[in-house]
């Protein structure tokens, strides 16, 4: 999984989305537009709950970080 705090893993103007395609072809999910400004450094479990939508390849998610006690 790749999580980013920017609008896209590819150039915003990209039509071919090469980074998206590379990640997906390697079984990696991509989560974009995360707001990480208030997240302190540490180890977390990410819980990402997508909307159940039919006929689409992407969905907004409710992203929740749960601190891991180490």
PDB file of N, CA and C in Angstrom:
ATOM      1  N   UNK A   1       0.842  -1.169   0.000  1.00  0.00           N
ATOM      2  CA  UNK A   1       0.000   0.000   0.000  1.00  0.00           C
ATOM      3  C   UNK A   1       0.889   1.234   0.000  1.00  0.00           C
ATOM      4  N   UNK A   2       0.449   2.233  -0.747  1.00  0.00           N
ATOM      5  CA  UNK A   2       1.138   3.516  -0.801  1.00  0.00           C
ATOM      6  C   UNK A   2       0.161   4.573  -0.309  1.00  0.00           C
ATOM      7  N   UNK A   3       0.548   5.344   0.685  1.00  0.00           N
ATOM      8  CA  UNK A   3      -0.278   6.439   1.186  1.00  0.00           C
ATOM      9  C   UNK A   3       0.431   7.759   0.968  1.00  0.00           C
ATOM     10  N   UNK A   4      -0.285   8.727   0.424  1.00  0.00           N
ATOM     11  CA  UNK A   4       0.305  10.018   0.067  1.00  0.00           C
ATOM     12  C   UNK A   4      -0.526  11.170   0.601  1.00  0.00           C
ATOM     13  N   UNK A   5       0.149  12.268   0.912  1.00  0.00           N
ATOM     14  CA  UNK A   5      -0.575  13.469   1.326  1.00  0.00           C
ATOM     15  C   UNK A   5      -0.599  14.507   0.205  1.00  0.00           C
ATOM     16  N   UNK A   6      -0.612  14.023  -1.018  1.00  0.00           N
ATOM     17  CA  UNK A   6      -0.694  14.863  -2.220  1.00  0.00           C
ATOM     18  C   UNK A   6      -1.859  14.355  -3.077  1.00  0.00           C
ATOM     19  N   UNK A   7      -2.320  15.169  -4.053  1.00  0.00           N
ATOM     20  CA  UNK A   7      -3.492  14.776  -4.843  1.00  0.00           C
ATOM     21  C   UNK A   7      -3.331  13.510  -5.680  1.00  0.00           C
ATOM     22  N   UNK A   8      -2.113  13.216  -6.145  1.00  0.00           N
ATOM     23  CA  UNK A   8      -1.952  12.055  -7.020  1.00  0.00           C
ATOM     24  C   UNK A   8      -0.524  11.532  -6.972  1.00  0.00           C
ATOM     25  N   UNK A   9      -0.377  10.228  -7.129  1.00  0.00           N
ATOM     26  CA  UNK A   9       0.945   9.619  -7.229  1.00  0.00           C
ATOM     27  C   UNK A   9       1.574   9.939  -8.584  1.00  0.00           C
ATOM     28  N   UNK A  10       0.734  10.276  -9.563  1.00  0.00           N
ATOM     29  CA  UNK A  10       1.193  10.680 -10.896  1.00  0.00           C
ATOM     30  C   UNK A  10       1.098  12.194 -11.036  1.00  0.00           C
ATOM     31  N   UNK A  11       1.686  12.705 -12.111  1.00  0.00           N
ATOM     32  CA  UNK A  11       1.504  14.111 -12.448  1.00  0.00           C
ATOM     33  C   UNK A  11       0.004  14.369 -12.588  1.00  0.00           C
ATOM     34  N   UNK A  12      -0.468  15.475 -12.072  1.00  0.00           N
ATOM     35  CA  UNK A  12      -1.905  15.759 -12.086  1.00  0.00           C
ATOM     36  C   UNK A  12      -2.471  15.753 -13.504  1.00  0.00           C
ATOM     37  N   UNK A  13      -1.685  16.201 -14.480  1.00  0.00           N
ATOM     38  CA  UNK A  13      -2.151  16.268 -15.870  1.00  0.00           C
ATOM     39  C   UNK A  13      -2.051  14.937 -16.610  1.00  0.00           C
ATOM     40  N   UNK A  14      -1.479  13.921 -15.984  1.00  0.00           N
ATOM     41  CA  UNK A  14      -1.243  12.645 -16.654  1.00  0.00           C
ATOM     42  C   UNK A  14      -2.547  11.985 -17.083  1.00  0.00           C
ATOM     43  N   UNK A  15      -2.564  11.517 -18.317  1.00  0.00           N
ATOM     44  CA  UNK A  15      -3.709  10.754 -18.828  1.00  0.00           C
ATOM     45  C   UNK A  15      -3.454   9.249 -18.739  1.00  0.00           C
ATOM     46  N   UNK A  16      -2.170   8.844 -18.760  1.00  0.00           N
ATOM     47  CA  UNK A  16      -1.845   7.413 -18.775  1.00  0.00           C
ATOM     48  C   UNK A  16      -1.633   6.832 -17.375  1.00  0.00           C
ATOM     49  N   UNK A  17      -1.411   7.668 -16.367  1.00  0.00           N
ATOM     50  CA  UNK A  17      -1.269   7.248 -14.969  1.00  0.00           C
ATOM     51  C   UNK A  17      -0.261   6.108 -14.772  1.00  0.00           C
ATOM     52  N   UNK A  18       0.992   6.284 -15.211  1.00  0.00           N
ATOM     53  CA  UNK A  18       1.961   5.188 -15.137  1.00  0.00           C
ATOM     54  C   UNK A  18       2.260   4.713 -13.712  1.00  0.00           C
ATOM     55  N   UNK A  19       2.329   5.608 -12.753  1.00  0.00           N
ATOM     56  CA  UNK A  19       2.624   5.182 -11.376  1.00  0.00           C
ATOM     57  C   UNK A  19       1.458   4.411 -10.772  1.00  0.00           C
ATOM     58  N   UNK A  20       0.232   4.851 -11.058  1.00  0.00           N
ATOM     59  CA  UNK A  20      -0.942   4.103 -10.607  1.00  0.00           C
ATOM     60  C   UNK A  20      -0.920   2.691 -11.193  1.00  0.00           C
ATOM     61  N   UNK A  21      -0.677   2.602 -12.486  1.00  0.00           N
ATOM     62  CA  UNK A  21      -0.686   1.298 -13.162  1.00  0.00           C
ATOM     63  C   UNK A  21       0.418   0.384 -12.627  1.00  0.00           C
ATOM     64  N   UNK A  22       1.600   0.943 -12.377  1.00  0.00           N
ATOM     65  CA  UNK A  22       2.703   0.149 -11.835  1.00  0.00           C
ATOM     66  C   UNK A  22       2.357  -0.373 -10.442  1.00  0.00           C
ATOM     67  N   UNK A  23       1.832   0.482  -9.590  1.00  0.00           N
ATOM     68  CA  UNK A  23       1.458   0.058  -8.242  1.00  0.00           C
ATOM     69  C   UNK A  23       0.389  -1.029  -8.297  1.00  0.00           C
ATOM     70  N   UNK A  24      -0.661  -0.792  -9.067  1.00  0.00           N
ATOM     71  CA  UNK A  24      -1.754  -1.762  -9.145  1.00  0.00           C
ATOM     72  C   UNK A  24      -1.318  -3.083  -9.765  1.00  0.00           C
ATOM     73  N   UNK A  25      -0.412  -3.037 -10.750  1.00  0.00           N
ATOM     74  CA  UNK A  25       0.066  -4.282 -11.364  1.00  0.00           C
ATOM     75  C   UNK A  25       0.918  -5.097 -10.400  1.00  0.00           C
ATOM     76  N   UNK A  26       1.398  -4.460  -9.338  1.00  0.00           N
ATOM     77  CA  UNK A  26       2.171  -5.152  -8.306  1.00  0.00           C
ATOM     78  C   UNK A  26       1.336  -5.413  -7.051  1.00  0.00           C
ATOM     79  N   UNK A  27       0.021  -5.318  -7.183  1.00  0.00           N
ATOM     80  CA  UNK A  27      -0.874  -5.633  -6.075  1.00  0.00           C
ATOM     81  C   UNK A  27      -0.902  -4.603  -4.966  1.00  0.00           C
ATOM     82  N   UNK A  28      -0.484  -3.383  -5.267  1.00  0.00           N
ATOM     83  CA  UNK A  28      -0.429  -2.336  -4.247  1.00  0.00           C
ATOM     84  C   UNK A  28      -1.605  -1.379  -4.398  1.00  0.00           C
ATOM     85  N   UNK A  29      -2.282  -1.103  -3.307  1.00  0.00           N
ATOM     86  CA  UNK A  29      -3.340  -0.092  -3.299  1.00  0.00           C
ATOM     87  C   UNK A  29      -2.698   1.283  -3.132  1.00  0.00           C
ATOM     88  N   UNK A  30      -3.370   2.309  -3.639  1.00  0.00           N
ATOM     89  CA  UNK A  30      -2.883   3.685  -3.535  1.00  0.00           C
ATOM     90  C   UNK A  30      -3.949   4.513  -2.829  1.00  0.00           C
ATOM     91  N   UNK A  31      -3.556   5.188  -1.754  1.00  0.00           N
ATOM     92  CA  UNK A  31      -4.455   6.110  -1.056  1.00  0.00           C
ATOM     93  C   UNK A  31      -3.845   7.497  -1.159  1.00  0.00           C
ATOM     94  N   UNK A  32      -4.597   8.424  -1.746  1.00  0.00           N
ATOM     95  CA  UNK A  32      -4.107   9.782  -1.988  1.00  0.00           C
ATOM     96  C   UNK A  32      -4.891  10.785  -1.150  1.00  0.00           C
ATOM     97  N   UNK A  33      -4.340  11.988  -1.048  1.00  0.00           N
ATOM     98  CA  UNK A  33      -4.988  13.102  -0.340  1.00  0.00           C
ATOM     99  C   UNK A  33      -5.142  12.859   1.156  1.00  0.00           C
ATOM    100  N   UNK A  34      -4.228  12.119   1.763  1.00  0.00           N
ATOM    101  CA  UNK A  34      -4.271  11.938   3.211  1.00  0.00           C
ATOM    102  C   UNK A  34      -3.827  13.230   3.889  1.00  0.00           C
ATOM    103  N   UNK A  35      -4.488  13.606   4.961  1.00  0.00           N
ATOM    104  CA  UNK A  35      -4.080  14.777   5.737  1.00  0.00           C
ATOM    105  C   UNK A  35      -3.252  14.274   6.913  1.00  0.00           C
ATOM    106  N   UNK A  36      -1.939  14.341   6.774  1.00  0.00           N
ATOM    107  CA  UNK A  36      -1.022  13.797   7.783  1.00  0.00           C
ATOM    108  C   UNK A  36      -0.381  14.880   8.643  1.00  0.00           C
ATOM    109  N   UNK A  37      -0.853  16.126   8.529  1.00  0.00           N
ATOM    110  CA  UNK A  37      -0.210  17.244   9.232  1.00  0.00           C
ATOM    111  C   UNK A  37      -0.165  17.070  10.740  1.00  0.00           C
ATOM    112  N   UNK A  38      -1.154  16.447  11.336  1.00  0.00           N
ATOM    113  CA  UNK A  38      -1.199  16.340  12.797  1.00  0.00           C
ATOM    114  C   UNK A  38      -0.799  14.959  13.307  1.00  0.00           C
ATOM    115  N   UNK A  39      -0.280  14.110  12.426  1.00  0.00           N
ATOM    116  CA  UNK A  39       0.089  12.747  12.823  1.00  0.00           C
ATOM    117  C   UNK A  39       1.547  12.723  13.276  1.00  0.00           C
ATOM    118  N   UNK A  40       1.795  12.431  14.558  1.00  0.00           N
ATOM    119  CA  UNK A  40       3.182  12.343  15.019  1.00  0.00           C
ATOM    120  C   UNK A  40       3.879  11.106  14.447  1.00  0.00           C
ATOM    121  N   UNK A  41       5.196  11.175  14.375  1.00  0.00           N
ATOM    122  CA  UNK A  41       5.975  10.019  13.922  1.00  0.00           C
ATOM    123  C   UNK A  41       5.665   8.829  14.823  1.00  0.00           C
ATOM    124  N   UNK A  42       5.637   7.653  14.239  1.00  0.00           N
ATOM    125  CA  UNK A  42       5.368   6.465  15.025  1.00  0.00           C
ATOM    126  C   UNK A  42       4.924   5.314  14.152  1.00  0.00           C
ATOM    127  N   UNK A  43       4.536   4.235  14.796  1.00  0.00           N
ATOM    128  CA  UNK A  43       4.052   3.042  14.102  1.00  0.00           C
ATOM    129  C   UNK A  43       2.541   2.956  14.286  1.00  0.00           C
ATOM    130  N   UNK A  44       1.852   2.729  13.173  1.00  0.00           N
ATOM    131  CA  UNK A  44       0.396   2.721  13.185  1.00  0.00           C
ATOM    132  C   UNK A  44      -0.149   1.567  12.361  1.00  0.00           C
ATOM    133  N   UNK A  45      -1.360   1.172  12.681  1.00  0.00           N
ATOM    134  CA  UNK A  45      -2.145   0.306  11.814  1.00  0.00           C
ATOM    135  C   UNK A  45      -3.090   1.228  11.057  1.00  0.00           C
ATOM    136  N   UNK A  46      -3.148   1.087   9.740  1.00  0.00           N
ATOM    137  CA  UNK A  46      -4.060   1.875   8.924  1.00  0.00           C
ATOM    138  C   UNK A  46      -5.305   1.057   8.641  1.00  0.00           C
ATOM    139  N   UNK A  47      -6.444   1.638   8.941  1.00  0.00           N
ATOM    140  CA  UNK A  47      -7.726   1.036   8.602  1.00  0.00           C
ATOM    141  C   UNK A  47      -8.357   1.958   7.568  1.00  0.00           C
ATOM    142  N   UNK A  48      -8.600   1.450   6.362  1.00  0.00           N
ATOM    143  CA  UNK A  48      -9.156   2.257   5.276  1.00  0.00           C
ATOM    144  C   UNK A  48     -10.484   1.646   4.846  1.00  0.00           C
ATOM    145  N   UNK A  49     -11.559   2.356   5.089  1.00  0.00           N
ATOM    146  CA  UNK A  49     -12.898   1.847   4.824  1.00  0.00           C
ATOM    147  C   UNK A  49     -13.478   2.520   3.584  1.00  0.00           C
ATOM    148  N   UNK A  50     -13.485   1.812   2.435  1.00  0.00           N
ATOM    149  CA  UNK A  50     -14.001   2.405   1.197  1.00  0.00           C
ATOM    150  C   UNK A  50     -15.530   2.368   1.139  1.00  0.00           C
ATOM    151  N   UNK A  51     -16.080   3.243   0.308  1.00  0.00           N
ATOM    152  CA  UNK A  51     -17.510   3.182   0.018  1.00  0.00           C
ATOM    153  C   UNK A  51     -17.774   1.978  -0.873  1.00  0.00           C
ATOM    154  N   UNK A  52     -18.927   1.386  -0.737  1.00  0.00           N
ATOM    155  CA  UNK A  52     -19.283   0.251  -1.598  1.00  0.00           C
ATOM    156  C   UNK A  52     -19.949   0.799  -2.859  1.00  0.00           C
ATOM    157  N   UNK A  53     -19.172   0.923  -3.916  1.00  0.00           N
ATOM    158  CA  UNK A  53     -19.653   1.473  -5.178  1.00  0.00           C
ATOM    159  C   UNK A  53     -19.506   0.421  -6.264  1.00  0.00           C
ATOM    160  N   UNK A  54     -20.472   0.349  -7.165  1.00  0.00           N
ATOM    161  CA  UNK A  54     -20.404  -0.606  -8.268  1.00  0.00           C
ATOM    162  C   UNK A  54     -20.007   0.101  -9.550  1.00  0.00           C
ATOM    163  N   UNK A  55     -19.226  -0.587 -10.382  1.00  0.00           N
ATOM    164  CA  UNK A  55     -18.863  -0.068 -11.686  1.00  0.00           C
ATOM    165  C   UNK A  55     -17.772   0.985 -11.677  1.00  0.00           C
ATOM    166  N   UNK A  56     -17.021   1.076 -10.579  1.00  0.00           N
ATOM    167  CA  UNK A  56     -15.916   2.036 -10.506  1.00  0.00           C
ATOM    168  C   UNK A  56     -14.663   1.316 -10.024  1.00  0.00           C
ATOM    169  N   UNK A  57     -13.512   1.918 -10.271  1.00  0.00           N
ATOM    170  CA  UNK A  57     -12.256   1.295  -9.835  1.00  0.00           C
ATOM    171  C   UNK A  57     -11.618   2.009  -8.659  1.00  0.00           C
ATOM    172  N   UNK A  58     -12.279   3.042  -8.128  1.00  0.00           N
ATOM    173  CA  UNK A  58     -11.732   3.787  -6.995  1.00  0.00           C
ATOM    174  C   UNK A  58     -12.877   4.274  -6.117  1.00  0.00           C
ATOM    175  N   UNK A  59     -12.534   4.617  -4.879  1.00  0.00           N
ATOM    176  CA  UNK A  59     -13.545   5.095  -3.942  1.00  0.00           C
ATOM    177  C   UNK A  59     -12.883   5.977  -2.898  1.00  0.00           C
ATOM    178  N   UNK A  60     -13.601   6.968  -2.396  1.00  0.00           N
ATOM    179  CA  UNK A  60     -13.111   7.654  -1.201  1.00  0.00           C
ATOM    180  C   UNK A  60     -13.059   6.645  -0.050  1.00  0.00           C
ATOM    181  N   UNK A  61     -12.186   6.874   0.907  1.00  0.00           N
ATOM    182  CA  UNK A  61     -12.116   6.005   2.085  1.00  0.00           C
ATOM    183  C   UNK A  61     -12.174   6.844   3.350  1.00  0.00           C
ATOM    184  N   UNK A  62     -12.624   6.220   4.419  1.00  0.00           N
ATOM    185  CA  UNK A  62     -12.467   6.789   5.752  1.00  0.00           C
ATOM    186  C   UNK A  62     -11.192   6.155   6.271  1.00  0.00           C
ATOM    187  N   UNK A  63     -10.128   6.957   6.371  1.00  0.00           N
ATOM    188  CA  UNK A  63      -8.824   6.442   6.805  1.00  0.00           C
ATOM    189  C   UNK A  63      -8.659   6.694   8.300  1.00  0.00           C
ATOM    190  N   UNK A  64      -8.350   5.631   9.035  1.00  0.00           N
ATOM    191  CA  UNK A  64      -8.186   5.708  10.479  1.00  0.00           C
ATOM    192  C   UNK A  64      -6.828   5.120  10.835  1.00  0.00           C
ATOM    193  N   UNK A  65      -6.056   5.851  11.635  1.00  0.00           N
ATOM    194  CA  UNK A  65      -4.781   5.328  12.130  1.00  0.00           C
ATOM    195  C   UNK A  65      -4.956   4.891  13.572  1.00  0.00           C
ATOM    196  N   UNK A  66      -4.480   3.691  13.868  1.00  0.00           N
ATOM    197  CA  UNK A  66      -4.508   3.189  15.237  1.00  0.00           C
ATOM    198  C   UNK A  66      -3.071   2.982  15.680  1.00  0.00           C
ATOM    199  N   UNK A  67      -2.627   3.687  16.734  1.00  0.00           N
ATOM    200  CA  UNK A  67      -1.243   3.530  17.190  1.00  0.00           C
ATOM    201  C   UNK A  67      -0.952   2.085  17.601  1.00  0.00           C
ATOM    202  N   UNK A  68       0.235   1.610  17.250  1.00  0.00           N
ATOM    203  CA  UNK A  68       0.685   0.283  17.670  1.00  0.00           C
ATOM    204  C   UNK A  68       1.559   0.452  18.897  1.00  0.00           C
ATOM    205  N   UNK A  69       1.266  -0.290  19.922  1.00  0.00           N
ATOM    206  CA  UNK A  69       2.084  -0.244  21.139  1.00  0.00           C
ATOM    207  C   UNK A  69       3.245  -1.201  20.972  1.00  0.00           C
ATOM    208  N   UNK A  70       4.447  -0.664  21.014  1.00  0.00           N
ATOM    209  CA  UNK A  70       5.631  -1.516  20.848  1.00  0.00           C
ATOM    210  C   UNK A  70       6.487  -1.459  22.066  1.00  0.00           C
TER     211      UNK A  70
END
